[in-house]
N, C-alpha and C. Protein backbone atom coordinates (compact mmCIF):
# COMPACT_ATOMS: atom_id res chain seq x y z
N UNK A 1 116.73 68.56 69.91
CA UNK A 1 115.71 68.79 70.78
C UNK A 1 114.46 69.59 69.88
N UNK A 2 113.21 68.72 70.68
CA UNK A 2 111.98 69.09 69.66
C UNK A 2 111.61 70.60 69.91
N UNK A 3 111.04 70.75 68.63
CA UNK A 3 110.60 72.33 68.98
C UNK A 3 109.05 72.28 69.05
N UNK A 4 108.70 73.52 69.62
CA UNK A 4 107.21 73.52 70.09
C UNK A 4 106.45 73.77 68.41
N UNK A 5 105.21 73.02 68.43
CA UNK A 5 104.41 73.56 67.48
C UNK A 5 104.06 74.87 67.31
N UNK A 6 103.39 75.26 66.20
CA UNK A 6 103.03 76.71 66.23
C UNK A 6 101.73 76.76 67.52
N UNK A 7 100.86 75.99 67.61
CA UNK A 7 99.75 75.86 68.26
C UNK A 7 100.41 75.86 69.64
N UNK A 8 101.34 75.28 70.25
CA UNK A 8 102.25 75.22 71.39
C UNK A 8 102.68 76.81 71.68
N UNK A 9 103.26 77.07 70.91
CA UNK A 9 104.08 78.32 70.85
C UNK A 9 102.82 79.75 71.14
N UNK A 10 101.52 79.37 70.58
CA UNK A 10 100.87 80.62 70.59
C UNK A 10 100.18 80.30 72.15
N UNK A 11 100.03 79.25 72.72
CA UNK A 11 99.57 79.06 74.32
C UNK A 11 100.55 79.65 75.31
N UNK A 12 101.95 79.14 74.69
CA UNK A 12 103.23 79.58 75.65
C UNK A 12 103.11 81.36 75.48
N UNK A 13 103.02 81.75 74.32
CA UNK A 13 103.27 83.13 74.28
C UNK A 13 101.88 83.79 75.05
N UNK A 14 100.86 83.51 74.87
CA UNK A 14 99.80 83.84 75.79
C UNK A 14 100.08 83.90 77.31
N UNK A 15 100.47 82.72 77.47
CA UNK A 15 100.59 82.65 79.19
C UNK A 15 102.02 83.73 79.39
N UNK A 16 102.96 83.59 78.31
CA UNK A 16 104.08 84.77 78.84
C UNK A 16 103.81 86.07 78.79
N UNK A 17 102.86 86.61 77.82
CA UNK A 17 102.28 87.88 77.86
C UNK A 17 101.53 88.31 78.84
N UNK A 18 100.50 87.32 79.57
CA UNK A 18 99.95 87.46 80.68
C UNK A 18 100.76 87.45 81.76
N UNK A 19 101.65 86.84 82.05
CA UNK A 19 102.55 87.02 83.12
C UNK A 19 103.28 88.02 83.29
N UNK A 20 103.87 88.69 81.95
CA UNK A 20 104.71 89.89 81.96
C UNK A 20 103.81 90.85 82.33
N UNK A 21 102.30 90.90 81.93
CA UNK A 21 101.67 91.93 81.88
C UNK A 21 101.22 92.15 83.63
N UNK A 22 100.92 90.98 84.42
CA UNK A 22 100.56 90.94 85.73
C UNK A 22 101.71 91.45 86.28
N UNK A 23 103.26 91.07 85.93
CA UNK A 23 104.32 91.55 86.49
C UNK A 23 104.68 92.95 86.57
N UNK A 24 104.45 93.27 85.39
CA UNK A 24 104.47 94.91 84.87
C UNK A 24 103.57 95.75 85.73
N UNK A 25 102.50 95.52 86.03
CA UNK A 25 101.20 96.01 86.23
C UNK A 25 101.72 96.14 87.91
N UNK A 26 102.12 94.80 88.53
CA UNK A 26 102.32 94.77 90.00
C UNK A 26 103.39 95.65 90.55
N UNK A 27 104.49 95.92 89.65
CA UNK A 27 105.59 96.70 89.95
C UNK A 27 104.92 98.27 89.76
N UNK A 28 104.36 98.66 88.76
CA UNK A 28 103.68 99.87 88.67
C UNK A 28 103.03 100.36 89.74
N UNK A 29 101.89 99.15 90.20
CA UNK A 29 101.12 99.64 91.50
C UNK A 29 101.73 99.84 92.71
N UNK A 30 103.02 98.93 93.08
CA UNK A 30 103.84 99.09 94.12
C UNK A 30 104.55 100.69 94.23
N UNK A 31 105.00 101.06 92.85
CA UNK A 31 105.35 102.38 92.54
C UNK A 31 104.40 103.46 92.86
N UNK A 32 103.27 103.27 92.65
CA UNK A 32 102.20 104.14 92.98
C UNK A 32 101.51 104.08 94.16
N UNK A 33 101.72 103.09 94.99
CA UNK A 33 100.81 102.73 96.06
C UNK A 33 101.39 103.81 97.34
N UNK A 34 102.59 104.09 97.35
CA UNK A 34 103.06 105.19 98.02
C UNK A 34 102.20 106.58 98.20
N UNK A 35 102.04 106.92 97.45
CA UNK A 35 100.80 107.88 97.16
C UNK A 35 99.61 107.88 98.01
N UNK A 36 99.06 106.68 98.27
CA UNK A 36 97.89 106.34 99.16
C UNK A 36 98.69 106.69 100.95
N UNK A 37 99.90 106.26 101.09
CA UNK A 37 100.51 106.17 102.68
C UNK A 37 100.60 107.81 103.01
N UNK A 38 100.55 108.66 101.88
CA UNK A 38 100.59 110.24 102.41
C UNK A 38 99.40 110.61 103.45
N UNK A 39 98.51 109.63 103.32
CA UNK A 39 96.95 110.11 104.15
C UNK A 39 96.82 109.07 105.29
N UNK A 40 97.88 108.27 105.64
CA UNK A 40 97.56 107.47 106.92
C UNK A 40 97.56 108.33 108.02
N UNK A 41 96.77 108.18 108.72
CA UNK A 41 96.65 108.88 110.28
C UNK A 41 96.86 108.03 111.24
N UNK A 42 96.57 106.87 111.27
CA UNK A 42 96.52 105.51 112.33
C UNK A 42 97.69 104.33 111.93
N UNK A 43 97.88 103.61 113.17
CA UNK A 43 98.64 102.50 112.94
C UNK A 43 97.90 101.52 112.25
N UNK A 44 96.94 101.27 112.51
CA UNK A 44 96.08 100.04 112.09
C UNK A 44 96.07 100.69 110.59
N UNK A 45 95.93 101.73 109.83
CA UNK A 45 96.00 102.35 108.58
C UNK A 45 97.64 101.76 107.82
N UNK A 46 98.52 102.09 108.75
CA UNK A 46 99.93 101.84 108.30
C UNK A 46 100.13 100.47 108.13
N UNK A 47 99.60 99.66 108.91
CA UNK A 47 100.09 98.27 108.68
C UNK A 47 99.12 97.64 107.65
N UNK A 48 97.66 98.08 107.67
CA UNK A 48 97.08 97.77 106.25
C UNK A 48 97.60 98.15 105.34
N UNK A 49 98.51 99.25 104.86
CA UNK A 49 99.07 99.67 103.69
C UNK A 49 100.19 98.57 103.26
N UNK A 50 100.81 98.18 104.59
CA UNK A 50 101.99 97.36 104.52
C UNK A 50 101.45 96.05 103.98
N UNK A 51 100.43 95.48 104.91
CA UNK A 51 99.81 94.17 104.52
C UNK A 51 99.44 94.13 102.79
N UNK A 52 98.74 95.15 102.28
CA UNK A 52 98.43 95.21 100.73
C UNK A 52 99.95 95.08 100.05
N UNK A 53 100.72 95.94 100.27
CA UNK A 53 102.06 95.94 99.69
C UNK A 53 102.52 94.28 99.68
N UNK A 54 102.56 93.96 100.94
CA UNK A 54 103.33 92.56 101.07
C UNK A 54 102.48 91.60 100.09
N UNK A 55 101.09 91.74 100.10
CA UNK A 55 100.39 90.80 99.40
C UNK A 55 100.40 90.65 97.82
N UNK A 56 100.68 92.33 97.30
CA UNK A 56 100.85 92.19 96.08
C UNK A 56 102.24 91.70 95.68
N UNK A 57 103.31 92.08 96.36
CA UNK A 57 104.56 91.82 96.40
C UNK A 57 104.82 90.21 96.09
N UNK A 58 104.17 89.68 97.18
CA UNK A 58 104.52 88.20 97.53
C UNK A 58 103.49 87.15 96.59
N UNK A 59 102.37 87.75 96.37
CA UNK A 59 101.35 86.99 95.99
C UNK A 59 100.90 86.98 94.15
N UNK A 60 101.34 88.17 93.86
CA UNK A 60 100.97 88.49 92.44
C UNK A 60 102.21 88.74 91.79
N UNK A 61 103.13 89.83 92.24
CA UNK A 61 104.41 90.12 91.63
C UNK A 61 105.28 88.91 91.39
N UNK A 62 105.42 88.09 92.83
CA UNK A 62 106.55 87.46 92.57
C UNK A 62 105.99 86.00 91.50
N UNK A 63 104.94 85.72 91.63
CA UNK A 63 104.60 84.38 90.91
C UNK A 63 104.54 84.93 89.36
N UNK A 64 104.20 86.06 88.98
CA UNK A 64 103.93 86.56 87.56
C UNK A 64 105.77 86.61 87.24
N UNK A 65 106.46 87.13 88.06
CA UNK A 65 107.59 86.87 87.26
C UNK A 65 108.38 85.75 87.47
N UNK A 66 108.03 85.00 87.98
CA UNK A 66 108.73 83.49 87.69
C UNK A 66 108.07 82.54 86.60
N UNK A 67 106.51 82.85 86.40
CA UNK A 67 105.80 82.42 85.27
C UNK A 67 106.75 83.23 84.25
N UNK A 68 106.93 84.16 84.06
CA UNK A 68 107.50 84.95 83.16
C UNK A 68 108.70 84.54 82.71
N UNK A 69 109.71 84.15 83.77
CA UNK A 69 110.88 83.56 83.65
C UNK A 69 110.83 81.94 82.78
N UNK A 70 109.83 81.49 83.44
CA UNK A 70 109.92 80.22 82.75
C UNK A 70 109.53 79.75 81.44
N UNK A 71 108.21 80.43 81.12
CA UNK A 71 107.84 80.31 79.87
C UNK A 71 108.78 81.14 79.02
N UNK A 72 109.62 82.33 79.33
CA UNK A 72 110.95 82.59 78.54
C UNK A 72 111.97 81.49 78.45
N UNK A 73 112.17 80.92 79.52
CA UNK A 73 113.01 79.71 79.33
C UNK A 73 112.58 78.88 78.42
N UNK A 74 111.25 78.30 78.58
CA UNK A 74 110.89 77.53 77.52
C UNK A 74 110.95 77.93 76.10
N UNK A 75 110.55 79.03 76.02
CA UNK A 75 110.67 79.78 74.57
C UNK A 75 112.17 79.57 74.25
N UNK A 76 113.19 79.85 74.97
CA UNK A 76 114.51 79.74 74.61
C UNK A 76 114.69 78.33 74.23
N UNK A 77 114.29 77.42 74.98
CA UNK A 77 114.69 76.01 74.78
C UNK A 77 114.04 75.11 73.75
N UNK A 78 112.71 75.44 73.40
CA UNK A 78 111.95 74.83 72.46
C UNK A 78 111.27 75.77 71.31
N UNK A 79 112.26 76.75 70.97
CA UNK A 79 111.82 77.42 69.93
C UNK A 79 113.12 77.76 69.26
N UNK A 80 113.10 78.64 68.30
CA UNK A 80 114.43 78.88 67.18
C UNK A 80 114.73 80.41 67.94
N UNK A 81 114.13 81.08 68.78
CA UNK A 81 114.68 82.19 69.48
C UNK A 81 115.89 82.21 70.14
N UNK A 82 116.18 81.11 71.03
CA UNK A 82 117.33 80.96 71.63
C UNK A 82 117.61 81.69 72.66
N UNK A 83 118.88 81.82 73.41
CA UNK A 83 119.10 82.85 74.37
C UNK A 83 119.88 83.96 73.94
N UNK A 84 120.83 83.70 73.11
CA UNK A 84 121.73 84.98 72.89
C UNK A 84 121.89 85.19 71.37
N UNK A 85 120.62 84.72 70.70
CA UNK A 85 120.70 84.76 69.19
C UNK A 85 120.67 86.03 68.87
N UNK A 86 119.49 87.11 69.62
CA UNK A 86 119.47 88.38 69.50
C UNK A 86 119.50 89.43 70.72
N UNK A 87 120.14 90.43 70.28
CA UNK A 87 120.43 91.39 71.46
C UNK A 87 119.39 91.90 72.58
N UNK A 88 118.31 92.11 71.95
CA UNK A 88 116.84 92.51 72.72
C UNK A 88 116.68 91.32 73.55
N UNK A 89 117.16 89.54 73.14
CA UNK A 89 116.78 88.63 74.22
C UNK A 89 117.76 88.97 75.30
N UNK A 90 118.99 89.06 74.73
CA UNK A 90 119.67 89.17 75.99
C UNK A 90 119.64 90.19 76.88
N UNK A 91 119.40 91.51 76.65
CA UNK A 91 119.01 92.54 77.20
C UNK A 91 117.41 91.97 78.46
N UNK A 92 116.64 91.26 77.77
CA UNK A 92 115.46 90.74 78.61
C UNK A 92 115.93 89.69 79.57
N UNK A 93 116.71 89.06 79.21
CA UNK A 93 117.37 87.89 80.00
C UNK A 93 118.03 88.53 81.16
N UNK A 94 118.99 89.46 80.84
CA UNK A 94 119.50 90.11 82.06
C UNK A 94 118.81 90.84 83.08
N UNK A 95 117.94 91.25 82.48
CA UNK A 95 116.98 92.27 83.47
C UNK A 95 115.87 91.41 84.16
N UNK A 96 115.53 90.32 83.47
CA UNK A 96 114.84 89.30 84.09
C UNK A 96 115.68 88.72 85.20
N UNK A 97 116.40 88.15 85.09
CA UNK A 97 117.26 87.39 86.13
C UNK A 97 117.69 88.62 87.23
N UNK A 98 118.15 89.55 86.91
CA UNK A 98 118.83 90.48 87.96
C UNK A 98 117.59 91.24 88.68
N UNK A 99 116.48 91.71 88.35
CA UNK A 99 115.39 91.83 88.84
C UNK A 99 114.76 90.67 89.86
N UNK A 100 114.67 89.48 89.54
CA UNK A 100 114.13 88.48 90.10
C UNK A 100 115.25 88.32 91.23
N UNK A 101 116.58 88.05 91.34
CA UNK A 101 117.35 87.69 92.12
C UNK A 101 117.62 88.93 93.10
N UNK A 102 117.55 90.11 92.87
CA UNK A 102 117.27 91.03 93.84
C UNK A 102 116.20 91.37 94.37
N UNK A 103 114.87 91.04 94.07
CA UNK A 103 113.76 91.00 94.29
C UNK A 103 113.81 89.95 95.67
N UNK A 104 114.38 88.71 95.42
CA UNK A 104 114.27 87.80 96.19
C UNK A 104 115.04 87.89 97.32
N UNK A 105 116.60 88.37 97.13
CA UNK A 105 117.30 88.07 98.35
C UNK A 105 117.46 89.72 98.68
N UNK A 106 116.59 90.67 98.55
CA UNK A 106 117.38 92.07 99.17
C UNK A 106 115.68 92.64 99.42
N UNK A 107 115.01 92.72 98.12
CA UNK A 107 113.66 93.34 98.21
C UNK A 107 112.87 92.61 98.93
N UNK A 108 112.37 91.36 98.55
CA UNK A 108 111.64 90.85 99.48
C UNK A 108 111.64 90.74 100.83
N UNK A 109 112.76 90.63 101.23
CA UNK A 109 113.05 90.75 102.92
C UNK A 109 113.00 92.02 103.42
N UNK A 110 112.94 92.82 102.67
CA UNK A 110 113.01 94.36 103.18
C UNK A 110 111.39 94.72 103.65
N UNK A 111 110.28 94.10 102.44
CA UNK A 111 109.04 94.28 102.48
C UNK A 111 108.71 93.19 103.67
N UNK A 112 109.01 92.17 103.97
CA UNK A 112 108.61 91.36 105.00
C UNK A 112 109.10 92.13 106.08
N UNK A 113 110.05 92.69 106.19
CA UNK A 113 110.75 93.64 107.44
C UNK A 113 109.84 94.73 107.68
N UNK A 114 109.25 95.42 106.74
CA UNK A 114 108.69 96.56 106.89
C UNK A 114 107.15 96.13 107.57
N UNK A 115 106.62 95.37 107.04
CA UNK A 115 105.47 94.47 107.28
C UNK A 115 105.33 93.94 108.99
N UNK A 116 106.64 93.58 109.41
CA UNK A 116 106.69 92.97 110.67
C UNK A 116 106.90 94.44 111.55
N UNK A 117 107.40 95.48 111.37
CA UNK A 117 107.63 96.59 112.23
C UNK A 117 106.57 97.45 111.93
N UNK A 118 105.78 97.46 111.22
CA UNK A 118 104.55 98.26 111.09
C UNK A 118 103.38 97.41 111.90
N UNK A 119 103.75 96.19 112.09
CA UNK A 119 102.57 95.39 112.72
C UNK A 119 103.08 95.56 114.37
N UNK A 120 104.10 95.59 114.63
CA UNK A 120 104.87 95.80 115.94
C UNK A 120 104.49 97.21 116.51
N UNK A 121 104.96 98.20 115.56
CA UNK A 121 105.27 99.67 116.21
C UNK A 121 104.17 100.45 115.70
N UNK A 122 103.21 99.90 114.91
CA UNK A 122 101.92 100.97 114.04
C UNK A 122 102.59 102.07 113.52
N UNK A 123 102.18 103.16 114.25
CA UNK A 123 102.55 104.56 113.46
C UNK A 123 103.83 104.84 113.70
N UNK A 124 104.47 104.45 114.86
CA UNK A 124 105.72 104.83 115.41
C UNK A 124 106.76 104.15 114.37
N UNK A 125 106.21 103.16 113.50
CA UNK A 125 107.23 102.62 112.36
C UNK A 125 107.71 103.84 111.53
N UNK A 126 106.73 105.23 111.49
CA UNK A 126 107.46 105.94 110.45
C UNK A 126 108.64 106.65 111.26
N UNK A 127 108.92 106.36 112.41
CA UNK A 127 110.14 106.77 113.02
C UNK A 127 111.14 106.04 113.11
N UNK A 128 110.96 104.83 112.52
CA UNK A 128 111.91 103.66 112.64
C UNK A 128 112.85 103.81 111.53
N UNK A 129 114.27 103.77 111.85
CA UNK A 129 115.01 103.77 110.26
C UNK A 129 114.87 102.85 109.30
N UNK A 130 114.68 101.40 109.88
CA UNK A 130 114.98 100.30 109.16
C UNK A 130 113.68 100.42 108.16
N UNK A 131 112.30 100.97 108.87
CA UNK A 131 111.26 100.71 108.20
C UNK A 131 111.04 101.99 107.17
N UNK A 132 111.78 103.08 107.12
CA UNK A 132 111.89 104.28 106.41
C UNK A 132 113.17 103.96 105.26
N UNK A 133 113.72 103.14 105.69
CA UNK A 133 114.89 102.78 104.74
C UNK A 133 114.24 101.97 103.72
N UNK A 134 113.63 101.06 104.29
CA UNK A 134 112.73 99.97 103.51
C UNK A 134 111.37 100.77 102.38
N UNK A 135 110.83 101.80 102.90
CA UNK A 135 110.22 102.44 102.09
C UNK A 135 110.73 103.16 101.07
N UNK A 136 111.76 103.67 101.36
CA UNK A 136 112.58 104.53 100.18
C UNK A 136 113.25 103.40 99.31
N UNK A 137 113.66 102.48 99.75
CA UNK A 137 114.44 101.67 98.69
C UNK A 137 113.29 100.89 97.94
N UNK A 138 111.94 100.42 98.62
CA UNK A 138 111.22 100.25 97.66
C UNK A 138 110.61 100.81 96.61
N UNK A 139 110.73 102.20 97.09
CA UNK A 139 110.20 103.07 95.70
C UNK A 139 111.20 103.45 94.86
N UNK A 140 112.30 103.38 95.09
CA UNK A 140 113.33 103.40 94.05
C UNK A 140 113.37 102.35 93.32
N UNK A 141 113.42 101.10 94.07
CA UNK A 141 113.33 99.77 93.25
C UNK A 141 112.00 99.49 92.15
N UNK A 142 110.96 99.96 92.80
CA UNK A 142 109.84 100.14 91.90
C UNK A 142 109.65 101.07 90.55
N UNK A 143 110.67 102.39 90.74
CA UNK A 143 110.71 102.98 89.71
C UNK A 143 111.52 102.60 88.76
N UNK A 144 112.60 101.91 89.26
CA UNK A 144 113.86 101.34 88.37
C UNK A 144 113.21 100.14 87.77
N UNK A 145 112.81 99.34 88.41
CA UNK A 145 112.23 98.13 87.83
C UNK A 145 111.00 98.28 86.87
N UNK A 146 110.12 99.15 86.99
CA UNK A 146 108.94 99.72 85.98
C UNK A 146 109.71 100.16 84.60
N UNK A 147 110.80 100.95 85.06
CA UNK A 147 111.38 101.43 83.90
C UNK A 147 112.09 100.37 82.94
N UNK A 148 112.89 99.46 83.40
CA UNK A 148 113.51 98.35 83.06
C UNK A 148 112.52 97.25 82.50
N UNK A 149 111.29 97.06 82.99
CA UNK A 149 110.36 96.18 82.34
C UNK A 149 109.52 96.64 81.10
N UNK A 150 109.48 98.10 81.14
CA UNK A 150 108.53 98.66 80.08
C UNK A 150 109.79 98.99 78.89
N UNK A 151 110.99 99.25 78.91
CA UNK A 151 112.22 99.05 77.86
C UNK A 151 112.17 97.50 77.69
N UNK A 152 111.70 96.64 78.42
CA UNK A 152 111.62 95.19 78.01
C UNK A 152 110.62 94.76 77.24
N UNK A 153 109.51 95.51 77.51
CA UNK A 153 108.32 95.54 76.53
C UNK A 153 108.52 95.96 75.28
N UNK A 154 109.30 97.18 75.33
CA UNK A 154 109.41 97.91 73.95
C UNK A 154 110.42 97.10 73.03
N UNK A 155 111.44 96.57 73.73
CA UNK A 155 112.52 95.93 73.13
C UNK A 155 111.80 94.48 72.59
N UNK A 156 111.10 94.03 72.97
CA UNK A 156 109.98 92.62 72.54
C UNK A 156 109.29 93.11 71.14
N UNK A 157 108.74 94.40 71.31
CA UNK A 157 107.71 94.71 70.01
C UNK A 157 108.88 95.23 69.07
N UNK A 158 109.67 96.16 69.34
CA UNK A 158 110.48 96.54 68.10
C UNK A 158 111.61 95.68 67.83
N UNK A 159 112.35 94.86 68.85
CA UNK A 159 113.34 94.14 68.44
C UNK A 159 114.55 94.62 67.78
N UNK A 160 115.04 95.37 68.57
CA UNK A 160 116.44 96.08 68.25
C UNK A 160 117.46 95.19 68.30
N UNK A 161 118.89 95.06 67.73
CA UNK A 161 119.80 94.36 67.39
C UNK A 161 119.30 92.99 67.44
N UNK A 162 118.51 92.71 66.25
CA UNK A 162 117.75 91.64 65.71
C UNK A 162 118.46 90.49 65.83
N UNK A 163 119.84 90.51 65.29
CA UNK A 163 120.63 89.32 65.17
C UNK A 163 122.05 89.51 65.34
N UNK A 164 122.28 89.34 66.50
CA UNK A 164 123.97 89.41 66.92
C UNK A 164 124.79 89.07 66.17
N UNK A 165 124.84 88.07 65.48
CA UNK A 165 125.56 87.31 64.87
C UNK A 165 125.98 88.25 63.24
N UNK A 166 124.79 88.59 62.93
CA UNK A 166 124.99 89.67 61.66
C UNK A 166 125.49 91.14 61.81
N UNK A 167 125.26 91.48 63.26
CA UNK A 167 125.86 92.59 63.42
C UNK A 167 127.35 92.43 63.86
N UNK A 168 127.67 91.31 64.37
CA UNK A 168 129.17 91.03 64.42
C UNK A 168 129.87 90.91 62.93
N UNK A 169 129.30 90.28 62.14
CA UNK A 169 129.69 90.03 60.91
C UNK A 169 130.07 91.61 60.47
N UNK A 170 128.87 92.04 60.40
CA UNK A 170 128.90 93.56 59.83
C UNK A 170 130.06 94.63 60.39
N UNK A 171 130.11 94.26 61.54
CA UNK A 171 131.22 95.36 62.31
C UNK A 171 132.47 94.40 62.06
N UNK A 172 132.79 93.26 61.56
CA UNK A 172 133.87 93.15 61.63
C UNK A 172 134.47 93.53 59.99
N UNK A 173 133.35 93.50 59.33
CA UNK A 173 133.58 93.71 57.95
C UNK A 173 133.99 95.22 57.54
N UNK A 174 133.37 96.24 58.29
CA UNK A 174 133.61 97.44 58.75
C UNK A 174 134.79 97.56 59.03
N UNK A 175 135.26 96.71 60.16
CA UNK A 175 136.70 97.15 60.95
C UNK A 175 137.67 96.45 59.65
N UNK A 176 137.36 95.48 58.85
CA UNK A 176 138.48 95.39 58.01
C UNK A 176 138.39 96.10 56.85
N UNK A 177 137.53 96.92 56.34
CA UNK A 177 137.59 97.72 55.45
C UNK A 177 138.43 99.09 55.91
N UNK A 178 137.99 99.47 57.11
CA UNK A 178 138.55 100.62 57.60
C UNK A 178 140.41 100.43 57.65
N UNK A 179 140.56 99.08 58.12
CA UNK A 179 142.02 98.67 58.01
C UNK A 179 142.52 98.64 56.66
N UNK A 180 142.23 98.08 55.74
CA UNK A 180 142.35 98.46 54.26
C UNK A 180 142.40 99.79 53.96
N UNK A 181 141.83 100.77 54.36
CA UNK A 181 141.61 102.25 53.78
C UNK A 181 142.64 102.65 54.46
N UNK A 182 143.21 102.41 55.90
CA UNK A 182 144.20 102.92 56.46
C UNK A 182 145.43 102.49 55.76
N UNK A 183 145.55 101.25 55.33
CA UNK A 183 146.76 100.52 55.14
C UNK A 183 147.35 101.13 53.56
N UNK A 184 146.21 101.59 52.60
CA UNK A 184 146.53 102.15 51.45
C UNK A 184 146.68 103.72 51.68
N UNK A 185 146.52 104.17 52.48
CA UNK A 185 146.91 105.61 52.73
C UNK A 185 148.47 105.94 53.18
């Protein structure tokens, strides 16, 4: 398979970093946005809050997450990084896929439902179990996702578990040495 040139890799890396930055920023904003909701006093304000939350989630966060996934896929396919060569890459793949799948099939529908409830019930939404459940799950998800994405960024910088194969070889040598030492005793 053809590999990307250095110039192409730099363009791809720029797009990947911008996308990941937008994704992380959006998740952090969704984590902090409930602070504003404490001052809501009317149904129209509650609806607008939910509309802003929905807009950020669906039109900024989701495309940024997809672009991050796609640029990561291109990176893995067309450079020497691969998918499973490094432990930190495995972490990033697992976290990226997990967050996107949970967001798509669970969190996204909750955000949509909260917006619908706020549109229909306005301030009475605050007494609706489905609405309050969605708000609580959304807050916890934003905290967890922010943490996981911040760790992914740190792993991208520090690259722990740099080469899984070297780790396995070193681990196997250590086990063999322990076995020889035990047999000698």
